Amino acid sequence: MDTLTIVLIVLGALLLIALIAAAMRKRSADHEHELEDRRVVATEHREEATSRRLSADREAAAAEEQAARARREAAEAEERARVAERERETAGAHEEHASEIDPDAEPEREDTTAYRDSDRT
């Protein structure tokens, strides 16, 4: 083999090594780009998850507040109903007492009392 052939073989080998190295660098750069794209997508998903979690937390807090208001209003309504019932009982007792002590009131007969008791219910 003459010198020119050896030089050409060495140059060919160097060119082949350079092409392989360039292809590997491109593949590595493409892989890094793909990884970076995946990181960006993952970050976007995390941000969306955080946003939705915060929104869900706000909705849950609003629902809890509404439920607490409803319980408080129900308790207040029950208390008003108890007060109204006590007032009715007191009014009935006053009315009965007034009938008992009024000298001009007619004494109630047995059948009238039964009629009056059924009116109260």
C-alpha atoms as a PDB file:
ATOM      1  CA  MET A   1       0.000   0.000   0.000  1.00  0.00           C
ATOM      2  CA  ASP A   2       1.285   3.288  -0.866  1.00  0.00           C
ATOM      3  CA  THR A   3       1.152   6.378   1.315  1.00  0.00           C
ATOM      4  CA  LEU A   4      -1.775   7.951  -0.499  1.00  0.00           C
ATOM      5  CA  THR A   5      -3.963   4.924   0.189  1.00  0.00           C
ATOM      6  CA  ILE A   6      -3.075   4.948   3.865  1.00  0.00           C
ATOM      7  CA  VAL A   7      -3.782   8.677   4.114  1.00  0.00           C
ATOM      8  CA  LEU A   8      -7.119   8.209   2.351  1.00  0.00           C
ATOM      9  CA  ILE A   9      -8.085   5.313   4.669  1.00  0.00           C
ATOM     10  CA  VAL A  10      -7.139   7.357   7.743  1.00  0.00           C
ATOM     11  CA  LEU A  11      -9.074  10.366   6.409  1.00  0.00           C
ATOM     12  CA  GLY A  12     -12.075   8.145   5.662  1.00  0.00           C
ATOM     13  CA  ALA A  13     -11.921   6.670   9.163  1.00  0.00           C
ATOM     14  CA  LEU A  14     -11.653  10.140  10.704  1.00  0.00           C
ATOM     15  CA  LEU A  15     -14.578  11.335   8.578  1.00  0.00           C
ATOM     16  CA  LEU A  16     -16.600   8.275   9.629  1.00  0.00           C
ATOM     17  CA  ILE A  17     -15.749   8.909  13.304  1.00  0.00           C
ATOM     18  CA  ALA A  18     -16.700  12.599  12.911  1.00  0.00           C
ATOM     19  CA  LEU A  19     -20.032  11.647  11.301  1.00  0.00           C
ATOM     20  CA  ILE A  20     -20.767   9.123  14.066  1.00  0.00           C
ATOM     21  CA  ALA A  21     -19.885  11.703  16.735  1.00  0.00           C
ATOM     22  CA  ALA A  22     -22.102  14.332  15.048  1.00  0.00           C
ATOM     23  CA  ALA A  23     -24.982  11.841  14.820  1.00  0.00           C
ATOM     24  CA  MET A  24     -24.563  10.946  18.503  1.00  0.00           C
ATOM     25  CA  ARG A  25     -24.513  14.626  19.493  1.00  0.00           C
ATOM     26  CA  LYS A  26     -27.668  15.265  17.462  1.00  0.00           C
ATOM     27  CA  ARG A  27     -29.338  12.238  19.010  1.00  0.00           C
ATOM     28  CA  SER A  28     -28.301  13.444  22.470  1.00  0.00           C
ATOM     29  CA  ALA A  29     -29.576  16.972  21.695  1.00  0.00           C
ATOM     30  CA  ASP A  30     -32.861  15.558  20.382  1.00  0.00           C
ATOM     31  CA  HIS A  31     -33.179  13.435  23.513  1.00  0.00           C
ATOM     32  CA  GLU A  32     -32.494  16.474  25.729  1.00  0.00           C
ATOM     33  CA  HIS A  33     -35.052  18.481  23.750  1.00  0.00           C
ATOM     34  CA  GLU A  34     -37.593  15.693  24.218  1.00  0.00           C
ATOM     35  CA  LEU A  35     -36.844  15.566  27.935  1.00  0.00           C
ATOM     36  CA  GLU A  36     -37.225  19.345  28.189  1.00  0.00           C
ATOM     37  CA  ASP A  37     -40.572  19.169  26.367  1.00  0.00           C
ATOM     38  CA  ARG A  38     -41.726  16.501  28.803  1.00  0.00           C
ATOM     39  CA  ARG A  39     -40.575  18.645  31.739  1.00  0.00           C
ATOM     40  CA  VAL A  40     -42.579  21.589  30.399  1.00  0.00           C
ATOM     41  CA  VAL A  41     -45.694  19.430  29.963  1.00  0.00           C
ATOM     42  CA  ALA A  42     -45.254  17.967  33.449  1.00  0.00           C
ATOM     43  CA  THR A  43     -44.908  21.476  34.911  1.00  0.00           C
ATOM     44  CA  GLU A  44     -48.075  22.578  33.119  1.00  0.00           C
ATOM     45  CA  HIS A  45     -49.924  19.550  34.481  1.00  0.00           C
ATOM     46  CA  ARG A  46     -48.711  20.296  38.013  1.00  0.00           C
ATOM     47  CA  GLU A  47     -49.817  23.931  37.716  1.00  0.00           C
ATOM     48  CA  GLU A  48     -53.239  22.830  36.439  1.00  0.00           C
ATOM     49  CA  ALA A  49     -53.535  20.324  39.291  1.00  0.00           C
ATOM     50  CA  THR A  50     -52.635  23.012  41.821  1.00  0.00           C
ATOM     51  CA  SER A  51     -55.135  25.427  40.319  1.00  0.00           C
ATOM     52  CA  ARG A  52     -57.908  22.836  40.360  1.00  0.00           C
ATOM     53  CA  ARG A  53     -57.035  21.779  43.919  1.00  0.00           C
ATOM     54  CA  LEU A  54     -57.247  25.393  45.103  1.00  0.00           C
ATOM     55  CA  SER A  55     -60.548  25.828  43.295  1.00  0.00           C
ATOM     56  CA  ALA A  56     -61.890  22.640  44.863  1.00  0.00           C
ATOM     57  CA  ASP A  57     -60.735  23.806  48.305  1.00  0.00           C
ATOM     58  CA  ARG A  58     -62.526  27.146  47.816  1.00  0.00           C
ATOM     59  CA  GLU A  59     -65.717  25.370  46.730  1.00  0.00           C
ATOM     60  CA  ALA A  60     -65.521  22.995  49.692  1.00  0.00           C
ATOM     61  CA  ALA A  61     -65.071  25.922  52.087  1.00  0.00           C
ATOM     62  CA  ALA A  62     -68.056  27.717  50.523  1.00  0.00           C
ATOM     63  CA  ALA A  63     -70.153  24.557  50.828  1.00  0.00           C
ATOM     64  CA  GLU A  64     -69.147  24.142  54.475  1.00  0.00           C
ATOM     65  CA  GLU A  65     -70.064  27.774  55.194  1.00  0.00           C
ATOM     66  CA  GLN A  66     -73.420  27.327  53.476  1.00  0.00           C
ATOM     67  CA  ALA A  67     -74.112  24.141  55.437  1.00  0.00           C
ATOM     68  CA  ALA A  68     -73.180  25.885  58.696  1.00  0.00           C
ATOM     69  CA  ARG A  69     -75.522  28.764  57.827  1.00  0.00           C
ATOM     70  CA  ALA A  70     -78.299  26.299  57.061  1.00  0.00           C
ATOM     71  CA  ARG A  71     -77.751  24.485  60.381  1.00  0.00           C
ATOM     72  CA  ARG A  72     -77.734  27.795  62.258  1.00  0.00           C
ATOM     73  CA  GLU A  73     -80.919  28.941  60.510  1.00  0.00           C
ATOM     74  CA  ALA A  74     -82.595  25.594  61.220  1.00  0.00           C
ATOM     75  CA  ALA A  75     -81.666  25.884  64.902  1.00  0.00           C
ATOM     76  CA  GLU A  76     -83.015  29.434  64.992  1.00  0.00           C
ATOM     77  CA  ALA A  77     -86.249  28.304  63.322  1.00  0.00           C
ATOM     78  CA  GLU A  78     -86.645  25.490  65.850  1.00  0.00           C
ATOM     79  CA  GLU A  79     -86.086  27.943  68.693  1.00  0.00           C
ATOM     80  CA  ARG A  80     -88.675  30.343  67.235  1.00  0.00           C
ATOM     81  CA  ALA A  81     -91.130  27.447  66.940  1.00  0.00           C
ATOM     82  CA  ARG A  82     -90.530  26.496  70.596  1.00  0.00           C
ATOM     83  CA  VAL A  83     -91.039  30.129  71.667  1.00  0.00           C
ATOM     84  CA  ALA A  84     -94.237  30.343  69.623  1.00  0.00           C
ATOM     85  CA  GLU A  85     -95.542  27.126  71.185  1.00  0.00           C
ATOM     86  CA  ARG A  86     -94.770  28.423  74.689  1.00  0.00           C
ATOM     87  CA  GLU A  87     -96.558  31.664  73.837  1.00  0.00           C
ATOM     88  CA  ARG A  88     -99.590  29.696  72.608  1.00  0.00           C
ATOM     89  CA  GLU A  89     -99.619  27.661  75.815  1.00  0.00           C
ATOM     90  CA  THR A  90     -99.297  30.820  77.921  1.00  0.00           C
ATOM     91  CA  ALA A  91    -102.081  32.518  75.945  1.00  0.00           C
ATOM     92  CA  GLY A  92    -104.286  29.458  76.409  1.00  0.00           C
ATOM     93  CA  ALA A  93    -103.588  29.397  80.137  1.00  0.00           C
ATOM     94  CA  HIS A  94    -104.381  33.129  80.429  1.00  0.00           C
ATOM     95  CA  GLU A  95    -107.566  32.657  78.435  1.00  0.00           C
ATOM     96  CA  GLU A  96    -108.624  29.737  80.598  1.00  0.00           C
ATOM     97  CA  HIS A  97    -107.801  31.597  83.795  1.00  0.00           C
ATOM     98  CA  ALA A  98    -109.709  34.660  82.552  1.00  0.00           C
ATOM     99  CA  SER A  99    -112.735  32.473  81.841  1.00  0.00           C
ATOM    100  CA  GLU A 100    -112.506  30.956  85.316  1.00  0.00           C
ATOM    101  CA  ILE A 101    -112.371  34.260  87.162  1.00  0.00           C
ATOM    102  CA  ASP A 102    -114.752  36.319  84.965  1.00  0.00           C
ATOM    103  CA  PRO A 103    -118.034  36.700  86.847  1.00  0.00           C
ATOM    104  CA  ASP A 104    -119.882  37.420  83.613  1.00  0.00           C
ATOM    105  CA  ALA A 105    -118.538  34.381  81.732  1.00  0.00           C
ATOM    106  CA  GLU A 106    -120.926  31.498  81.308  1.00  0.00           C
ATOM    107  CA  PRO A 107    -119.745  28.191  82.709  1.00  0.00           C
ATOM    108  CA  GLU A 108    -118.688  25.848  79.962  1.00  0.00           C
ATOM    109  CA  ARG A 109    -120.674  22.713  79.461  1.00  0.00           C
ATOM    110  CA  GLU A 110    -119.026  19.338  78.935  1.00  0.00           C
ATOM    111  CA  ASP A 111    -119.817  19.175  75.202  1.00  0.00           C
ATOM    112  CA  THR A 112    -118.584  22.757  74.644  1.00  0.00           C
ATOM    113  CA  THR A 113    -115.264  21.928  76.290  1.00  0.00           C
ATOM    114  CA  ALA A 114    -114.801  18.979  74.002  1.00  0.00           C
ATOM    115  CA  TYR A 115    -115.561  21.229  71.010  1.00  0.00           C
ATOM    116  CA  ARG A 116    -113.118  23.864  72.237  1.00  0.00           C
ATOM    117  CA  ASP A 117    -110.346  21.331  72.850  1.00  0.00           C
ATOM    118  CA  SER A 118    -110.697  19.998  69.325  1.00  0.00           C
ATOM    119  CA  ASP A 119    -110.406  23.595  68.012  1.00  0.00           C
ATOM    120  CA  ARG A 120    -106.960  23.982  69.570  1.00  0.00           C
ATOM    121  CA  THR A 121    -105.411  21.103  67.703  1.00  0.00           C
END
